[in-house]
Amino acid sequence: MLTAELINNNIPRLQLQDSVSKARQLINDFKVTHLPVVSEDKFLGLISEEDLLDAEDEKLPIEVLQKYFLQAAVPDNVHFLNAVSNSNQFETNVVPVVSSNNTFSGVITTADLLKTMGDFAGANEIGGIIVLEMERLQFAISEISRIVESNDCTILHLNSTVHPITGLLTVTLHINKKEIAAVVATFERYDYNVPYYFGIEHFENEIDSNYKHLMNYLDI
């Protein structure tokens, strides 16, 4: 999904001639940390609530605060994850979107980004979650897929992150079934480290059941 598809037209824009008082009121009314400032549809930057509160005279136009404007915007033709990165980098809950020649198109709110991220990650899809931890060289999508599919399951989503201290790769799998104990056991048989998982732990694997019966028999 592109950033242009997530623009929220309910968030107002400010002009340089608008007063500090008006800007403060709009930020309060719309529960945002920043508001975009434009001039003849050109994006000039974001003004923060903090800078507005620091202004000594609320009757002055926000033009006097222009040196504090935050130059943070994303193009309208890039993937929405660029807006997520922008929001994290500049710590703002609105992300300005601009078209060619820095023409202001609108803003994306973090609430809309969160919903889109949830859909992107498959949060609304039924299934189980399995988390694997491994060395980077151990990571092989083909083998991971084969293990999952050998248990008559399908990977809905796969995400990987690198631990900043250990350097280990954390691979999160979202599979299409809630009963995941058999899949977890298969990963463990192949020496994968499974730190945790979320789903129904019913184990219907006949081999595992027979193994447990054998162990119980040998303990007699």
C-alpha atoms as a PDB file:
ATOM      1  CA  MET A   1       0.000   0.000   0.000  1.00  0.00           C
ATOM      2  CA  LEU A   2       1.299   3.443  -0.943  1.00  0.00           C
ATOM      3  CA  THR A   3       1.376   6.454   1.359  1.00  0.00           C
ATOM      4  CA  ALA A   4      -1.118   8.333  -0.843  1.00  0.00           C
ATOM      5  CA  GLU A   5      -3.756   5.711  -0.014  1.00  0.00           C
ATOM      6  CA  LEU A   6      -3.558   6.421   3.737  1.00  0.00           C
ATOM      7  CA  ILE A   7      -3.973  10.208   3.735  1.00  0.00           C
ATOM      8  CA  ASN A   8      -6.327  11.455   6.446  1.00  0.00           C
ATOM      9  CA  ASN A   9      -8.122  14.572   5.224  1.00  0.00           C
ATOM     10  CA  ASN A  10      -9.589  15.391   8.646  1.00  0.00           C
ATOM     11  CA  ILE A  11      -6.325  16.793  10.025  1.00  0.00           C
ATOM     12  CA  PRO A  12      -6.086  20.566   9.416  1.00  0.00           C
ATOM     13  CA  ARG A  13      -3.163  22.449   7.929  1.00  0.00           C
ATOM     14  CA  LEU A  14      -1.811  25.782   9.104  1.00  0.00           C
ATOM     15  CA  GLN A  15      -0.810  28.907   7.215  1.00  0.00           C
ATOM     16  CA  LEU A  16       2.072  31.159   8.183  1.00  0.00           C
ATOM     17  CA  GLN A  17      -0.379  33.914   9.120  1.00  0.00           C
ATOM     18  CA  ASP A  18      -2.271  31.738  11.604  1.00  0.00           C
ATOM     19  CA  SER A  19      -1.736  32.745  15.212  1.00  0.00           C
ATOM     20  CA  VAL A  20       0.095  30.709  17.809  1.00  0.00           C
ATOM     21  CA  SER A  21      -3.161  30.609  19.761  1.00  0.00           C
ATOM     22  CA  LYS A  22      -5.062  29.066  16.837  1.00  0.00           C
ATOM     23  CA  ALA A  23      -2.335  26.491  16.267  1.00  0.00           C
ATOM     24  CA  ARG A  24      -2.332  25.502  19.943  1.00  0.00           C
ATOM     25  CA  GLN A  25      -6.108  25.097  19.899  1.00  0.00           C
ATOM     26  CA  LEU A  26      -6.089  22.917  16.780  1.00  0.00           C
ATOM     27  CA  ILE A  27      -3.333  20.700  18.157  1.00  0.00           C
ATOM     28  CA  ASN A  28      -5.354  20.267  21.336  1.00  0.00           C
ATOM     29  CA  ASP A  29      -8.630  19.632  19.484  1.00  0.00           C
ATOM     30  CA  PHE A  30      -7.182  16.991  17.149  1.00  0.00           C
ATOM     31  CA  LYS A  31      -4.915  15.350  19.761  1.00  0.00           C
ATOM     32  CA  VAL A  32      -1.779  15.567  17.616  1.00  0.00           C
ATOM     33  CA  THR A  33       1.837  16.347  18.474  1.00  0.00           C
ATOM     34  CA  HIS A  34       2.460  18.410  15.334  1.00  0.00           C
ATOM     35  CA  LEU A  35       0.570  20.138  12.546  1.00  0.00           C
ATOM     36  CA  PRO A  36       1.693  20.775   8.964  1.00  0.00           C
ATOM     37  CA  VAL A  37       2.313  24.327   7.789  1.00  0.00           C
ATOM     38  CA  VAL A  38       1.805  25.180   4.115  1.00  0.00           C
ATOM     39  CA  SER A  39       2.088  28.185   1.852  1.00  0.00           C
ATOM     40  CA  GLU A  40       0.220  28.095  -1.476  1.00  0.00           C
ATOM     41  CA  ASP A  41      -0.012  24.296  -1.142  1.00  0.00           C
ATOM     42  CA  LYS A  42       3.749  23.935  -0.625  1.00  0.00           C
ATOM     43  CA  PHE A  43       4.798  22.052   2.483  1.00  0.00           C
ATOM     44  CA  LEU A  44       6.938  24.203   4.770  1.00  0.00           C
ATOM     45  CA  GLY A  45       7.332  21.841   7.717  1.00  0.00           C
ATOM     46  CA  LEU A  46       5.746  20.576  10.903  1.00  0.00           C
ATOM     47  CA  ILE A  47       5.248  22.786  13.914  1.00  0.00           C
ATOM     48  CA  SER A  48       5.278  21.065  17.301  1.00  0.00           C
ATOM     49  CA  GLU A  49       3.070  21.584  20.311  1.00  0.00           C
ATOM     50  CA  GLU A  50       6.204  22.081  22.395  1.00  0.00           C
ATOM     51  CA  ASP A  51       7.433  24.999  20.273  1.00  0.00           C
ATOM     52  CA  LEU A  52       3.984  26.579  20.311  1.00  0.00           C
ATOM     53  CA  LEU A  53       3.818  26.374  24.091  1.00  0.00           C
ATOM     54  CA  ASP A  54       7.255  27.991  24.329  1.00  0.00           C
ATOM     55  CA  ALA A  55       6.095  31.002  22.312  1.00  0.00           C
ATOM     56  CA  GLU A  56       5.874  34.064  24.561  1.00  0.00           C
ATOM     57  CA  ASP A  57       3.032  35.789  22.715  1.00  0.00           C
ATOM     58  CA  GLU A  58       0.185  33.588  21.519  1.00  0.00           C
ATOM     59  CA  LYS A  59      -1.148  36.379  19.303  1.00  0.00           C
ATOM     60  CA  LEU A  60       1.903  36.305  17.038  1.00  0.00           C
ATOM     61  CA  PRO A  61       1.713  34.467  13.699  1.00  0.00           C
ATOM     62  CA  ILE A  62       3.419  31.099  13.581  1.00  0.00           C
ATOM     63  CA  GLU A  63       5.693  32.554  10.905  1.00  0.00           C
ATOM     64  CA  VAL A  64       7.928  33.791  13.745  1.00  0.00           C
ATOM     65  CA  LEU A  65       8.582  30.136  14.648  1.00  0.00           C
ATOM     66  CA  GLN A  66       9.502  29.036  11.126  1.00  0.00           C
ATOM     67  CA  LYS A  67      13.105  28.264  12.072  1.00  0.00           C
ATOM     68  CA  TYR A  68      11.747  25.516  14.356  1.00  0.00           C
ATOM     69  CA  PHE A  69       9.668  23.808  11.652  1.00  0.00           C
ATOM     70  CA  LEU A  70      10.463  20.125  11.313  1.00  0.00           C
ATOM     71  CA  GLN A  71      11.385  19.075   7.796  1.00  0.00           C
ATOM     72  CA  ALA A  72       9.782  15.654   7.850  1.00  0.00           C
ATOM     73  CA  ALA A  73       7.693  14.353   4.956  1.00  0.00           C
ATOM     74  CA  VAL A  74       7.364  11.288   2.743  1.00  0.00           C
ATOM     75  CA  PRO A  75       6.579  11.129  -0.991  1.00  0.00           C
ATOM     76  CA  ASP A  76       3.066  10.063  -1.981  1.00  0.00           C
ATOM     77  CA  ASN A  77       4.293   7.186  -4.160  1.00  0.00           C
ATOM     78  CA  VAL A  78       6.319   5.109  -1.673  1.00  0.00           C
ATOM     79  CA  HIS A  79       5.383   2.119   0.480  1.00  0.00           C
ATOM     80  CA  PHE A  80       3.605   2.985   3.728  1.00  0.00           C
ATOM     81  CA  LEU A  81       6.471   1.502   5.781  1.00  0.00           C
ATOM     82  CA  ASN A  82       8.419   4.649   4.880  1.00  0.00           C
ATOM     83  CA  ALA A  83       5.808   6.610   6.833  1.00  0.00           C
ATOM     84  CA  VAL A  84       6.239   4.263   9.804  1.00  0.00           C
ATOM     85  CA  SER A  85       9.984   4.905   9.744  1.00  0.00           C
ATOM     86  CA  ASN A  86       9.385   8.659   9.470  1.00  0.00           C
ATOM     87  CA  SER A  87       7.042   8.656  12.465  1.00  0.00           C
ATOM     88  CA  ASN A  88       9.567   6.731  14.563  1.00  0.00           C
ATOM     89  CA  GLN A  89      12.487   8.903  13.503  1.00  0.00           C
ATOM     90  CA  PHE A  90      10.839  12.255  14.191  1.00  0.00           C
ATOM     91  CA  GLU A  91       8.593  11.109  17.077  1.00  0.00           C
ATOM     92  CA  THR A  92       5.428  12.569  15.635  1.00  0.00           C
ATOM     93  CA  ASN A  93       1.933  11.116  15.378  1.00  0.00           C
ATOM     94  CA  VAL A  94       1.282  12.704  11.977  1.00  0.00           C
ATOM     95  CA  VAL A  95       3.369  12.130   8.855  1.00  0.00           C
ATOM     96  CA  PRO A  96       3.123  14.718   6.050  1.00  0.00           C
ATOM     97  CA  VAL A  97       2.763  13.386   2.515  1.00  0.00           C
ATOM     98  CA  VAL A  98       3.997  15.419  -0.446  1.00  0.00           C
ATOM     99  CA  SER A  99       3.771  14.997  -4.191  1.00  0.00           C
ATOM    100  CA  SER A 100       6.132  16.350  -6.826  1.00  0.00           C
ATOM    101  CA  ASN A 101       7.696  19.760  -6.201  1.00  0.00           C
ATOM    102  CA  ASN A 102       6.970  19.435  -2.470  1.00  0.00           C
ATOM    103  CA  THR A 103       3.240  20.002  -2.960  1.00  0.00           C
ATOM    104  CA  PHE A 104       1.388  19.114   0.226  1.00  0.00           C
ATOM    105  CA  SER A 105      -1.066  16.210  -0.185  1.00  0.00           C
ATOM    106  CA  GLY A 106      -2.098  15.608   3.418  1.00  0.00           C
ATOM    107  CA  VAL A 107      -0.995  13.655   6.469  1.00  0.00           C
ATOM    108  CA  ILE A 108      -1.078  10.081   7.694  1.00  0.00           C
ATOM    109  CA  THR A 109      -1.906   9.559  11.357  1.00  0.00           C
ATOM    110  CA  THR A 110      -0.170   6.961  13.492  1.00  0.00           C
ATOM    111  CA  ALA A 111      -3.587   5.484  14.285  1.00  0.00           C
ATOM    112  CA  ASP A 112      -4.079   4.738  10.577  1.00  0.00           C
ATOM    113  CA  LEU A 113      -0.504   3.448  10.350  1.00  0.00           C
ATOM    114  CA  LEU A 114      -1.097   1.091  13.276  1.00  0.00           C
ATOM    115  CA  LYS A 115      -4.246  -0.325  11.690  1.00  0.00           C
ATOM    116  CA  THR A 116      -2.477  -0.779   8.359  1.00  0.00           C
ATOM    117  CA  MET A 117       0.493  -2.403  10.080  1.00  0.00           C
ATOM    118  CA  GLY A 118      -1.883  -4.817  11.813  1.00  0.00           C
ATOM    119  CA  ASP A 119      -3.463  -5.799   8.508  1.00  0.00           C
ATOM    120  CA  PHE A 120      -0.014  -6.038   6.912  1.00  0.00           C
ATOM    121  CA  ALA A 121       1.193  -8.375   9.657  1.00  0.00           C
ATOM    122  CA  GLY A 122      -1.947 -10.517   9.490  1.00  0.00           C
ATOM    123  CA  ALA A 123      -3.174  -9.604  12.971  1.00  0.00           C
ATOM    124  CA  ASN A 124      -6.780 -10.209  11.886  1.00  0.00           C
ATOM    125  CA  GLU A 125      -6.088 -13.659  10.452  1.00  0.00           C
ATOM    126  CA  ILE A 126      -6.695 -16.769  12.523  1.00  0.00           C
ATOM    127  CA  GLY A 127      -3.637 -18.877  13.253  1.00  0.00           C
ATOM    128  CA  GLY A 128      -0.714 -19.577  15.545  1.00  0.00           C
ATOM    129  CA  ILE A 129       2.582 -17.807  16.136  1.00  0.00           C
ATOM    130  CA  ILE A 130       5.947 -19.582  16.352  1.00  0.00           C
ATOM    131  CA  VAL A 131       9.156 -17.708  17.162  1.00  0.00           C
ATOM    132  CA  LEU A 132      12.523 -19.170  16.166  1.00  0.00           C
ATOM    133  CA  GLU A 133      15.971 -17.955  17.189  1.00  0.00           C
ATOM    134  CA  MET A 134      19.024 -18.845  15.147  1.00  0.00           C
ATOM    135  CA  GLU A 135      22.347 -17.795  13.691  1.00  0.00           C
ATOM    136  CA  ARG A 136      21.963 -15.833  10.468  1.00  0.00           C
ATOM    137  CA  LEU A 137      23.712 -18.552   8.468  1.00  0.00           C
ATOM    138  CA  GLN A 138      21.137 -21.075   9.707  1.00  0.00           C
ATOM    139  CA  PHE A 139      18.251 -19.136   8.169  1.00  0.00           C
ATOM    140  CA  ALA A 140      16.792 -20.914   5.149  1.00  0.00           C
ATOM    141  CA  ILE A 141      13.263 -20.030   4.082  1.00  0.00           C
ATOM    142  CA  SER A 142      12.957 -23.184   1.996  1.00  0.00           C
ATOM    143  CA  GLU A 143      13.680 -25.461   4.962  1.00  0.00           C
ATOM    144  CA  ILE A 144      11.418 -23.509   7.326  1.00  0.00           C
ATOM    145  CA  SER A 145       8.589 -23.700   4.783  1.00  0.00           C
ATOM    146  CA  ARG A 146       9.166 -27.413   4.293  1.00  0.00           C
ATOM    147  CA  ILE A 147       8.913 -28.076   8.039  1.00  0.00           C
ATOM    148  CA  VAL A 148       5.687 -26.099   8.320  1.00  0.00           C
ATOM    149  CA  GLU A 149       4.159 -27.694   5.218  1.00  0.00           C
ATOM    150  CA  SER A 150       5.135 -31.185   6.401  1.00  0.00           C
ATOM    151  CA  ASN A 151       2.579 -30.649   9.178  1.00  0.00           C
ATOM    152  CA  ASP A 152      -0.142 -29.666   6.683  1.00  0.00           C
ATOM    153  CA  CYS A 153       0.197 -25.980   7.578  1.00  0.00           C
ATOM    154  CA  THR A 154       0.959 -22.868   5.580  1.00  0.00           C
ATOM    155  CA  ILE A 155       3.004 -19.796   6.479  1.00  0.00           C
ATOM    156  CA  LEU A 156       0.754 -16.734   6.347  1.00  0.00           C
ATOM    157  CA  HIS A 157       3.441 -14.230   7.331  1.00  0.00           C
ATOM    158  CA  LEU A 158       7.155 -14.356   8.131  1.00  0.00           C
ATOM    159  CA  ASN A 159       9.121 -11.593   9.807  1.00  0.00           C
ATOM    160  CA  SER A 160      12.781 -11.502  10.824  1.00  0.00           C
ATOM    161  CA  THR A 161      14.729  -9.166  13.100  1.00  0.00           C
ATOM    162  CA  VAL A 162      18.321  -9.149  14.343  1.00  0.00           C
ATOM    163  CA  HIS A 163      19.006  -8.872  18.069  1.00  0.00           C
ATOM    164  CA  PRO A 164      21.181  -5.754  18.550  1.00  0.00           C
ATOM    165  CA  ILE A 165      23.390  -7.398  21.201  1.00  0.00           C
ATOM    166  CA  THR A 166      23.617 -11.103  20.369  1.00  0.00           C
ATOM    167  CA  GLY A 167      23.347 -10.721  16.605  1.00  0.00           C
ATOM    168  CA  LEU A 168      20.987 -13.711  16.536  1.00  0.00           C
ATOM    169  CA  LEU A 169      18.147 -13.745  14.054  1.00  0.00           C
ATOM    170  CA  THR A 170      14.617 -13.874  15.443  1.00  0.00           C
ATOM    171  CA  VAL A 171      12.148 -15.325  12.941  1.00  0.00           C
ATOM    172  CA  THR A 172       8.440 -14.975  13.689  1.00  0.00           C
ATOM    173  CA  LEU A 173       6.091 -17.268  11.799  1.00  0.00           C
ATOM    174  CA  HIS A 174       2.343 -16.771  11.565  1.00  0.00           C
ATOM    175  CA  ILE A 175       0.809 -20.039  10.370  1.00  0.00           C
ATOM    176  CA  ASN A 176      -2.744 -20.816   9.338  1.00  0.00           C
ATOM    177  CA  LYS A 177      -3.580 -23.223  12.183  1.00  0.00           C
ATOM    178  CA  LYS A 178      -3.954 -22.642  15.905  1.00  0.00           C
ATOM    179  CA  GLU A 179      -2.918 -26.187  16.845  1.00  0.00           C
ATOM    180  CA  ILE A 180       0.840 -25.748  16.547  1.00  0.00           C
ATOM    181  CA  ALA A 181       2.403 -28.233  18.966  1.00  0.00           C
ATOM    182  CA  ALA A 182       3.228 -30.678  16.167  1.00  0.00           C
ATOM    183  CA  VAL A 183       4.937 -27.928  14.161  1.00  0.00           C
ATOM    184  CA  VAL A 184       6.910 -26.794  17.206  1.00  0.00           C
ATOM    185  CA  ALA A 185       8.021 -30.353  17.900  1.00  0.00           C
ATOM    186  CA  THR A 186       9.200 -30.767  14.314  1.00  0.00           C
ATOM    187  CA  PHE A 187      11.281 -27.606  14.524  1.00  0.00           C
ATOM    188  CA  GLU A 188      12.835 -28.854  17.749  1.00  0.00           C
ATOM    189  CA  ARG A 189      13.636 -32.220  16.158  1.00  0.00           C
ATOM    190  CA  TYR A 190      15.576 -30.311  13.524  1.00  0.00           C
ATOM    191  CA  ASP A 191      17.515 -28.516  16.306  1.00  0.00           C
ATOM    192  CA  TYR A 192      15.761 -25.162  15.943  1.00  0.00           C
ATOM    193  CA  ASN A 193      15.546 -23.067  19.078  1.00  0.00           C
ATOM    194  CA  VAL A 194      11.888 -22.175  19.748  1.00  0.00           C
ATOM    195  CA  PRO A 195      11.913 -19.593  22.586  1.00  0.00           C
ATOM    196  CA  TYR A 196       8.135 -19.282  22.646  1.00  0.00           C
ATOM    197  CA  TYR A 197       4.977 -19.817  20.642  1.00  0.00           C
ATOM    198  CA  PHE A 198       1.318 -18.924  20.854  1.00  0.00           C
ATOM    199  CA  GLY A 199      -1.568 -21.165  19.874  1.00  0.00           C
ATOM    200  CA  ILE A 200      -3.468 -24.257  20.930  1.00  0.00           C
ATOM    201  CA  GLU A 201      -1.088 -26.888  22.229  1.00  0.00           C
ATOM    202  CA  HIS A 202      -3.124 -29.998  21.366  1.00  0.00           C
ATOM    203  CA  PHE A 203      -0.717 -32.603  20.081  1.00  0.00           C
ATOM    204  CA  GLU A 204      -2.401 -34.965  17.615  1.00  0.00           C
ATOM    205  CA  ASN A 205       0.827 -36.371  16.209  1.00  0.00           C
ATOM    206  CA  GLU A 206       0.577 -40.183  16.269  1.00  0.00           C
ATOM    207  CA  ILE A 207       4.347 -40.703  16.343  1.00  0.00           C
ATOM    208  CA  ASP A 208       4.683 -38.455  19.383  1.00  0.00           C
ATOM    209  CA  SER A 209       1.816 -40.279  21.122  1.00  0.00           C
ATOM    210  CA  ASN A 210       3.395 -43.677  20.463  1.00  0.00           C
ATOM    211  CA  TYR A 211       6.743 -42.378  21.721  1.00  0.00           C
ATOM    212  CA  LYS A 212       5.183 -41.249  25.007  1.00  0.00           C
ATOM    213  CA  HIS A 213       3.466 -44.611  25.433  1.00  0.00           C
ATOM    214  CA  LEU A 214       6.806 -46.362  24.875  1.00  0.00           C
ATOM    215  CA  MET A 215       8.532 -44.157  27.461  1.00  0.00           C
ATOM    216  CA  ASN A 216       5.764 -44.880  29.986  1.00  0.00           C
ATOM    217  CA  TYR A 217       6.107 -48.605  29.301  1.00  0.00           C
ATOM    218  CA  LEU A 218       9.882 -48.528  29.810  1.00  0.00           C
ATOM    219  CA  ASP A 219       9.409 -46.754  33.157  1.00  0.00           C
ATOM    220  CA  ILE A 220       7.323 -49.613  34.512  1.00  0.00           C
END
